Amino acid sequence: MTHPDRSASHLAPALPTQSQDYYGFLRTPRYRWWKGLLAVVLLIGGYLLIGGVAAVAGLVVDVALGTVSTEQLLAAANGTIPFGPGLFIGNNLGLALLVPMAMVLGWGFFGQRPGWSASVAGRFRWRWLLWCLLVIGVPWFVLLMVPTLAEGGFPAAVLTPSVWLMLGLTLLTTPLQCAGEEWAFRGLVPRSIAAMVPHPRIGAVVGVAVSSLLFMGAHAAADPWLNAFYVCFGVLTSALTWRTGGLEASVVLHTVNNLTALVPVVLTADYAALGDRSAGTGSPAVLVPLVIGVGLVFLADRVRGWRGVARTAAPGLATLPTPVATYGPSPEGPVLPGSGVPAVPPVGTASVESVEPVEEVEPIRSSGDSEIRESGDTLGPYEHRDQPPAPGGQQRP
């Protein structure tokens, strides 16, 4: 990929001038590799700072309420996160802030307005989101419910006022938390890394691989099967994003997945089970839904094509200056853009349309004589076209 002069890079188009999928959307004349790297570093650093503050604030609330003990805080070193209601909501809000952070970094470093971080259409496609709920959300929910129902269903709920409050906060903040993770780990991070690699497909693979590993690390699990689940889940949601041209499908899958796991925890107030990611808590069974989830990627792609939802776009093409006629090696001179017709006829030629037909002049015959003067004959002195020629070829005085 070639770039214009670096001194005028701020004048180059910020959007792709050739058709690109979601993970190729930073392949623009304005992109620079160091901008992508710095954007990723700032996103991670910003989350550690802001998310850390939100998590600590939540832990303080939990300790003050007595929902988390000092022993549970010390157990965090073994991979058991001391989840309580405060940390739970604080974690959700901290992750939700990844959405505006990714938007601001994308706009500041790459010149792309926030809507372009959501999809190739330059906006979050709400109508397509509803289709994703039907095509992806419902089957994924049913798939996750099968083992729960096979084991006897949900445990008995403890419906106290605080549980109802936590249920409402969970339903409100979990979609935002999932959106934040998708904007970061399926949006800005893989896009920034993919644009560093010259080949688009290889760049997309590298970007997805790195972001999926970062996604796994963000969950801080000590169990190998859980870590494998997080990596594969990142790859699955990345495939959905790639085949649908935006984050809507992955947000739906992530939200349904988390709500299915979190709502029973909230209803039973068993937050300790939620934060237990120590070794031995996972098994190969956690990967089974992901294998079946591959079919949802193909299904979503088919429905996307049926609904006419864009997967690729080249919005930067409209920002390029209108091409003008330029002289090339052709002897026919400049060509009108998009027509193949010479803009100016070559020297020594004339356009057929620009030449008016010459009216044919009838020959003039003399009265009583057989001599014929053609219209092209030379006139003699004092002779006019409206006079017949003199008899005997003599000139009139």
Protein backbone atom coordinates (compact mmCIF):
# COMPACT_ATOMS: atom_id res chain seq x y z
CA MET A 1 0.00 0.00 0.00
CA THR A 2 1.41 3.34 -1.01
CA HIS A 3 1.05 6.55 0.93
CA PRO A 4 1.23 10.18 -0.15
CA ASP A 5 3.95 12.54 0.97
CA ARG A 6 4.25 12.43 4.77
CA SER A 7 4.40 16.21 4.96
CA ALA A 8 0.85 16.38 3.63
CA SER A 9 -0.53 13.26 5.33
CA HIS A 10 -3.08 15.31 7.26
CA LEU A 11 -4.63 16.26 3.93
CA ALA A 12 -4.98 12.64 2.77
CA PRO A 13 -8.36 10.88 3.01
CA ALA A 14 -9.03 9.40 6.46
CA LEU A 15 -11.42 6.77 5.08
CA PRO A 16 -10.56 3.92 2.71
CA THR A 17 -10.54 4.86 -0.96
CA GLN A 18 -10.79 1.21 -2.01
CA SER A 19 -13.43 -1.29 -0.93
CA GLN A 20 -12.43 -2.67 2.48
CA ASP A 21 -14.03 -4.95 5.03
CA TYR A 22 -14.29 -3.99 8.71
CA TYR A 23 -10.75 -5.09 9.58
CA GLY A 24 -9.26 -3.26 6.60
CA PHE A 25 -10.95 0.05 7.39
CA LEU A 26 -7.77 1.71 8.64
CA ARG A 27 -5.96 0.97 5.38
CA THR A 28 -6.18 4.59 4.33
CA PRO A 29 -3.71 7.11 2.87
CA ARG A 30 -3.57 8.82 6.28
CA TYR A 31 -2.68 5.72 8.35
CA ARG A 32 0.76 5.45 9.95
CA TRP A 33 1.90 2.33 11.81
CA TRP A 34 3.06 4.25 14.86
CA LYS A 35 -0.40 5.78 15.23
CA GLY A 36 -1.97 2.32 15.37
CA LEU A 37 0.54 1.10 17.92
CA LEU A 38 0.13 4.19 20.08
CA ALA A 39 -3.67 3.95 19.92
CA VAL A 40 -3.58 0.36 21.21
CA VAL A 41 -1.17 1.27 24.03
CA LEU A 42 -3.28 4.24 25.08
CA LEU A 43 -6.48 2.18 25.00
CA ILE A 44 -4.99 -0.50 27.25
CA GLY A 45 -3.38 2.06 29.53
CA GLY A 46 -6.56 4.11 29.71
CA TYR A 47 -8.62 1.09 30.68
CA LEU A 48 -6.15 0.00 33.35
CA LEU A 49 -6.38 3.46 34.83
CA ILE A 50 -10.11 4.15 34.53
CA GLY A 51 -11.22 0.54 34.92
CA GLY A 52 -8.90 0.11 37.87
CA VAL A 53 -10.40 3.13 39.60
CA ALA A 54 -13.93 1.79 38.99
CA ALA A 55 -12.95 -1.66 40.28
CA VAL A 56 -11.30 -0.31 43.42
CA ALA A 57 -14.34 1.86 44.09
CA GLY A 58 -16.54 -1.21 43.75
CA LEU A 59 -14.34 -3.21 46.12
CA VAL A 60 -14.48 -0.43 48.68
CA VAL A 61 -18.27 -0.56 48.52
CA ASP A 62 -18.21 -4.36 48.90
CA VAL A 63 -15.90 -4.23 51.93
CA ALA A 64 -18.01 -1.49 53.48
CA LEU A 65 -21.17 -3.56 52.96
CA GLY A 66 -19.49 -6.73 54.21
CA THR A 67 -20.09 -8.65 50.97
CA VAL A 68 -16.33 -9.20 50.49
CA SER A 69 -13.94 -10.20 53.28
CA THR A 70 -10.21 -9.66 53.69
CA GLU A 71 -9.59 -13.37 53.11
CA GLN A 72 -11.33 -13.12 49.76
CA LEU A 73 -9.12 -10.18 48.78
CA LEU A 74 -6.00 -12.21 49.54
CA ALA A 75 -7.35 -15.16 47.52
CA ALA A 76 -7.28 -13.01 44.37
CA ALA A 77 -3.61 -13.95 43.94
CA ASN A 78 -4.71 -17.53 43.22
CA GLY A 79 -7.08 -16.49 40.44
CA THR A 80 -10.21 -16.18 42.56
CA ILE A 81 -11.57 -12.69 42.00
CA PRO A 82 -13.46 -11.39 45.07
CA PHE A 83 -16.63 -10.45 43.24
CA GLY A 84 -19.34 -8.65 45.11
CA PRO A 85 -22.19 -6.40 43.96
CA GLY A 86 -19.96 -3.30 44.09
CA LEU A 87 -17.10 -4.77 42.07
CA PHE A 88 -19.57 -6.34 39.67
CA ILE A 89 -21.20 -3.02 38.76
CA GLY A 90 -17.91 -1.12 38.92
CA ASN A 91 -16.34 -3.61 36.50
CA ASN A 92 -19.26 -3.28 34.10
CA LEU A 93 -19.09 0.51 34.10
CA GLY A 94 -15.31 0.52 33.67
CA LEU A 95 -15.54 -1.77 30.64
CA ALA A 96 -18.42 0.25 29.20
CA LEU A 97 -16.09 3.27 29.07
CA LEU A 98 -14.04 1.43 26.44
CA VAL A 99 -16.67 2.48 23.89
CA PRO A 100 -16.04 6.25 24.10
CA MET A 101 -12.31 5.63 24.57
CA ALA A 102 -12.10 3.63 21.33
CA MET A 103 -14.19 6.25 19.51
CA VAL A 104 -12.02 9.15 20.67
CA LEU A 105 -8.76 7.36 19.84
CA GLY A 106 -10.05 6.36 16.41
CA TRP A 107 -11.10 9.93 15.67
CA GLY A 108 -7.96 11.52 17.09
CA PHE A 109 -5.34 9.22 15.53
CA PHE A 110 -7.01 8.17 12.28
CA GLY A 111 -9.47 10.99 11.56
CA GLN A 112 -12.47 8.64 11.42
CA ARG A 113 -15.58 9.88 13.17
CA PRO A 114 -17.03 7.69 15.97
CA GLY A 115 -19.70 6.10 13.77
CA TRP A 116 -17.06 4.40 11.62
CA SER A 117 -15.85 2.44 14.65
CA ALA A 118 -19.19 0.61 14.74
CA SER A 119 -19.52 -0.58 11.15
CA VAL A 120 -18.56 0.04 7.53
CA ALA A 121 -21.80 2.03 7.20
CA GLY A 122 -20.49 4.74 9.53
CA ARG A 123 -23.08 4.10 12.24
CA PHE A 124 -24.42 1.48 14.59
CA ARG A 125 -27.03 -0.35 12.52
CA TRP A 126 -29.94 -0.76 14.95
CA ARG A 127 -32.25 -2.52 12.49
CA TRP A 128 -29.54 -5.07 11.77
CA LEU A 129 -29.09 -5.46 15.53
CA LEU A 130 -32.69 -6.65 15.81
CA TRP A 131 -32.07 -9.24 13.12
CA CYS A 132 -28.95 -10.36 15.01
CA LEU A 133 -31.03 -10.84 18.15
CA LEU A 134 -33.28 -13.20 16.21
CA VAL A 135 -30.65 -15.01 14.16
CA ILE A 136 -27.80 -15.16 16.71
CA GLY A 137 -29.13 -14.25 20.15
CA VAL A 138 -32.02 -16.71 20.35
CA PRO A 139 -30.08 -19.78 19.11
CA TRP A 140 -27.12 -18.97 21.38
CA PHE A 141 -29.39 -18.62 24.41
CA VAL A 142 -31.04 -21.96 23.67
CA LEU A 143 -27.63 -23.57 23.17
CA LEU A 144 -26.39 -22.34 26.56
CA MET A 145 -29.59 -23.34 28.33
CA VAL A 146 -29.45 -26.99 27.26
CA PRO A 147 -26.78 -28.09 29.80
CA THR A 148 -28.38 -25.98 32.54
CA LEU A 149 -31.77 -27.60 32.03
CA ALA A 150 -30.14 -31.02 31.77
CA GLU A 151 -28.63 -30.51 35.21
CA GLY A 152 -31.97 -29.63 36.79
CA GLY A 153 -32.42 -25.97 35.93
CA PHE A 154 -31.56 -22.86 37.90
CA PRO A 155 -31.11 -22.90 41.68
CA ALA A 156 -33.76 -21.30 43.86
CA ALA A 157 -33.70 -17.50 43.69
CA VAL A 158 -33.60 -15.21 46.71
CA LEU A 159 -35.91 -12.37 45.69
CA THR A 160 -35.11 -9.60 48.12
CA PRO A 161 -35.24 -5.86 47.31
CA SER A 162 -31.43 -5.77 46.94
CA VAL A 163 -31.58 -8.71 44.51
CA TRP A 164 -34.18 -6.93 42.40
CA LEU A 165 -31.98 -3.83 42.38
CA MET A 166 -28.95 -5.84 41.30
CA LEU A 167 -30.99 -7.59 38.63
CA GLY A 168 -32.01 -4.24 37.17
CA LEU A 169 -28.44 -2.93 37.26
CA THR A 170 -27.21 -6.13 35.63
CA LEU A 171 -29.69 -5.93 32.78
CA LEU A 172 -28.77 -2.26 32.28
CA THR A 173 -24.97 -2.37 32.51
CA THR A 174 -24.09 -5.78 31.05
CA PRO A 175 -24.94 -4.84 27.43
CA LEU A 176 -22.77 -1.73 27.87
CA GLN A 177 -19.95 -3.82 29.32
CA CYS A 178 -20.12 -6.24 26.39
CA ALA A 179 -20.20 -3.36 23.91
CA GLY A 180 -17.09 -1.90 25.52
CA GLU A 181 -15.18 -5.15 25.13
CA GLU A 182 -16.31 -5.48 21.52
CA TRP A 183 -15.32 -1.89 20.63
CA ALA A 184 -11.88 -2.57 22.08
CA PHE A 185 -11.06 -6.22 21.28
CA ARG A 186 -13.03 -6.61 18.06
CA GLY A 187 -12.74 -2.99 16.96
CA LEU A 188 -9.84 -0.65 17.61
CA VAL A 189 -7.17 -3.20 18.60
CA PRO A 190 -7.40 -5.65 15.67
CA ARG A 191 -8.06 -2.84 13.17
CA SER A 192 -4.96 -0.94 14.28
CA ILE A 193 -2.74 -4.01 14.14
CA ALA A 194 -4.18 -5.32 10.84
CA ALA A 195 -3.34 -2.08 9.04
CA MET A 196 0.34 -2.48 9.97
CA VAL A 197 0.63 -5.62 7.83
CA PRO A 198 0.89 -5.05 4.04
CA HIS A 199 -1.33 -7.99 3.04
CA PRO A 200 -4.99 -7.40 4.09
CA ARG A 201 -5.91 -11.02 4.88
CA ILE A 202 -2.70 -11.72 6.80
CA GLY A 203 -3.13 -8.43 8.64
CA ALA A 204 -6.65 -9.37 9.69
CA VAL A 205 -5.47 -12.76 10.99
CA VAL A 206 -2.62 -11.17 12.96
CA GLY A 207 -4.92 -8.47 14.35
CA VAL A 208 -7.55 -10.98 15.47
CA ALA A 209 -4.94 -13.29 17.01
CA VAL A 210 -3.32 -10.50 19.04
CA SER A 211 -6.65 -9.04 20.19
CA SER A 212 -7.96 -12.48 21.19
CA LEU A 213 -4.88 -13.08 23.33
CA LEU A 214 -5.33 -9.68 24.95
CA PHE A 215 -8.99 -10.54 25.52
CA MET A 216 -7.92 -13.72 27.29
CA GLY A 217 -5.41 -11.84 29.43
CA ALA A 218 -8.02 -9.29 30.44
CA HIS A 219 -10.06 -12.05 32.12
CA ALA A 220 -7.12 -13.10 34.33
CA ALA A 221 -8.07 -16.78 34.48
CA ALA A 222 -5.70 -19.39 35.91
CA ASP A 223 -7.49 -22.34 34.29
CA PRO A 224 -6.19 -23.45 30.87
CA TRP A 225 -9.60 -24.47 29.59
CA LEU A 226 -11.07 -21.11 30.50
CA ASN A 227 -8.18 -19.37 28.75
CA ALA A 228 -8.81 -21.51 25.66
CA PHE A 229 -12.48 -20.52 25.83
CA TYR A 230 -11.65 -16.80 25.94
CA VAL A 231 -9.31 -17.06 22.96
CA CYS A 232 -11.79 -19.06 20.90
CA PHE A 233 -14.64 -16.76 21.91
CA GLY A 234 -12.59 -13.82 20.68
CA VAL A 235 -11.98 -15.54 17.35
CA LEU A 236 -15.68 -16.43 17.00
CA THR A 237 -16.91 -12.88 17.64
CA SER A 238 -14.19 -11.54 15.32
CA ALA A 239 -15.47 -13.82 12.57
CA LEU A 240 -18.98 -12.47 13.12
CA THR A 241 -17.66 -8.92 12.88
CA TRP A 242 -15.72 -9.68 9.71
CA ARG A 243 -18.60 -11.41 7.90
CA THR A 244 -21.24 -8.83 8.87
CA GLY A 245 -19.24 -5.62 8.47
CA GLY A 246 -19.76 -4.32 11.99
CA LEU A 247 -19.92 -4.95 15.72
CA GLU A 248 -23.67 -5.49 16.07
CA ALA A 249 -23.60 -9.29 15.77
CA SER A 250 -20.68 -9.72 18.17
CA VAL A 251 -22.30 -7.39 20.72
CA VAL A 252 -25.46 -9.51 20.62
CA LEU A 253 -23.58 -12.80 21.04
CA HIS A 254 -21.46 -11.40 23.87
CA THR A 255 -24.45 -9.87 25.67
CA VAL A 256 -26.58 -13.01 25.50
CA ASN A 257 -23.62 -15.11 26.63
CA ASN A 258 -22.91 -12.93 29.66
CA LEU A 259 -26.52 -12.39 30.71
CA THR A 260 -27.18 -16.13 30.58
CA ALA A 261 -24.30 -16.65 32.99
CA LEU A 262 -24.85 -13.58 35.19
CA VAL A 263 -28.60 -13.54 35.82
CA PRO A 264 -28.61 -16.82 37.82
CA VAL A 265 -25.67 -15.49 39.87
CA VAL A 266 -27.53 -12.29 40.67
CA LEU A 267 -30.77 -14.09 41.53
CA THR A 268 -28.96 -16.36 43.99
CA ALA A 269 -26.51 -13.65 45.18
CA ASP A 270 -23.68 -16.16 44.70
CA TYR A 271 -21.00 -13.74 43.45
CA ALA A 272 -18.16 -15.90 44.71
CA ALA A 273 -18.90 -18.49 42.00
CA LEU A 274 -18.75 -15.74 39.38
CA GLY A 275 -15.22 -14.69 40.25
CA ASP A 276 -13.74 -18.17 40.60
CA ARG A 277 -11.41 -18.65 37.64
CA SER A 278 -8.80 -20.70 39.43
CA ALA A 279 -7.20 -23.83 37.98
CA GLY A 280 -9.60 -26.74 37.74
CA THR A 281 -12.78 -24.71 37.33
CA GLY A 282 -12.92 -25.25 33.57
CA SER A 283 -13.19 -28.34 31.39
CA PRO A 284 -13.26 -29.22 27.67
CA ALA A 285 -17.06 -28.92 27.83
CA VAL A 286 -16.79 -25.11 27.79
CA LEU A 287 -15.56 -25.29 24.18
CA VAL A 288 -18.52 -27.28 22.84
CA PRO A 289 -20.87 -24.28 22.35
CA LEU A 290 -18.12 -22.46 20.42
CA VAL A 291 -17.89 -25.28 17.89
CA ILE A 292 -21.62 -25.06 17.27
CA GLY A 293 -21.34 -21.27 17.24
CA VAL A 294 -19.34 -21.47 14.01
CA GLY A 295 -22.62 -22.32 12.29
CA LEU A 296 -24.07 -19.06 13.54
CA VAL A 297 -21.36 -17.19 11.65
CA PHE A 298 -22.46 -18.77 8.36
CA LEU A 299 -26.12 -18.19 9.22
CA ALA A 300 -25.52 -14.53 10.04
CA ASP A 301 -23.58 -14.09 6.80
CA ARG A 302 -26.43 -15.58 4.76
CA VAL A 303 -29.04 -13.40 6.45
CA ARG A 304 -26.81 -10.35 5.97
CA GLY A 305 -26.65 -11.02 2.25
CA TRP A 306 -30.39 -11.61 2.09
CA ARG A 307 -31.08 -8.33 3.90
CA GLY A 308 -28.59 -6.41 1.76
CA VAL A 309 -26.45 -5.33 4.73
CA ALA A 310 -23.08 -3.99 3.59
CA ARG A 311 -19.94 -5.91 4.52
CA THR A 312 -17.43 -3.72 2.70
CA ALA A 313 -17.29 -0.04 1.77
CA ALA A 314 -15.03 2.65 0.29
CA PRO A 315 -16.40 5.91 1.72
CA GLY A 316 -13.13 7.76 1.16
CA LEU A 317 -13.60 7.51 -2.59
CA ALA A 318 -16.14 10.33 -2.49
CA THR A 319 -13.58 12.65 -0.85
CA LEU A 320 -11.06 12.37 -3.68
CA PRO A 321 -10.84 15.36 -6.07
CA THR A 322 -12.69 15.06 -9.36
CA PRO A 323 -10.28 13.74 -12.01
CA VAL A 324 -9.46 16.14 -14.87
CA ALA A 325 -8.44 15.44 -18.44
CA THR A 326 -4.70 14.94 -18.76
CA TYR A 327 -2.54 14.29 -21.79
CA GLY A 328 -1.30 10.76 -21.98
CA PRO A 329 0.77 8.80 -24.43
CA SER A 330 -2.20 8.46 -26.76
CA PRO A 331 -1.93 10.68 -29.91
CA GLU A 332 -5.63 11.38 -29.53
CA GLY A 333 -4.99 13.86 -26.68
CA PRO A 334 -6.79 14.10 -23.31
CA VAL A 335 -9.76 11.90 -22.57
CA LEU A 336 -12.95 12.91 -20.77
CA PRO A 337 -13.14 11.06 -17.41
CA GLY A 338 -15.18 7.88 -17.57
CA SER A 339 -16.08 8.27 -21.28
CA GLY A 340 -13.07 7.26 -23.34
CA VAL A 341 -13.85 10.15 -25.72
CA PRO A 342 -11.05 12.67 -26.47
CA ALA A 343 -11.69 15.95 -24.68
CA VAL A 344 -9.99 17.96 -27.47
CA PRO A 345 -9.71 16.70 -31.06
CA PRO A 346 -6.09 16.12 -32.12
CA VAL A 347 -4.40 18.76 -34.21
CA GLY A 348 -5.31 18.51 -37.87
CA THR A 349 -8.62 16.76 -37.22
CA ALA A 350 -12.10 17.93 -36.50
CA SER A 351 -14.98 16.44 -34.66
CA VAL A 352 -17.62 15.06 -36.96
CA GLU A 353 -20.37 16.64 -34.87
CA SER A 354 -18.72 20.10 -35.05
CA VAL A 355 -18.62 20.33 -38.90
CA GLU A 356 -21.79 21.61 -40.53
CA PRO A 357 -22.67 20.03 -43.86
CA VAL A 358 -22.04 22.26 -46.88
CA GLU A 359 -25.07 22.87 -49.02
CA GLU A 360 -24.55 21.55 -52.49
CA VAL A 361 -24.82 24.29 -55.17
CA GLU A 362 -26.46 23.46 -58.41
CA PRO A 363 -24.44 24.28 -61.52
CA ILE A 364 -25.45 27.42 -63.38
CA ARG A 365 -26.45 26.93 -66.98
CA SER A 366 -26.49 29.73 -69.56
CA SER A 367 -29.64 30.47 -71.46
CA GLY A 368 -29.49 28.99 -74.88
CA ASP A 369 -26.01 27.67 -74.49
CA SER A 370 -24.69 24.30 -73.39
CA GLU A 371 -21.78 25.70 -71.42
CA ILE A 372 -21.84 24.79 -67.74
CA ARG A 373 -19.98 26.71 -65.07
CA GLU A 374 -19.40 24.67 -61.97
CA SER A 375 -19.83 26.28 -58.57
CA GLY A 376 -16.12 26.03 -57.88
CA ASP A 377 -14.97 27.88 -61.09
CA THR A 378 -13.06 31.13 -60.70
CA LEU A 379 -15.02 34.30 -61.35
CA GLY A 380 -13.69 36.85 -63.79
CA PRO A 381 -13.38 40.59 -63.05
CA TYR A 382 -16.69 42.38 -62.59
CA GLU A 383 -18.50 39.04 -62.71
CA HIS A 384 -21.06 37.99 -60.12
CA ARG A 385 -22.76 34.73 -59.23
CA ASP A 386 -26.16 36.06 -60.14
CA GLN A 387 -25.08 36.90 -63.71
CA PRO A 388 -25.03 34.32 -66.51
CA PRO A 389 -21.68 33.87 -68.25
CA ALA A 390 -21.04 35.98 -71.34
CA PRO A 391 -21.51 34.23 -74.69
CA GLY A 392 -18.41 32.77 -76.23
CA GLY A 393 -16.53 32.72 -72.99
CA GLN A 394 -16.03 36.52 -73.09
CA GLN A 395 -15.96 38.50 -69.93
CA ARG A 396 -18.52 41.14 -69.30
CA PRO A 397 -17.24 44.66 -68.89
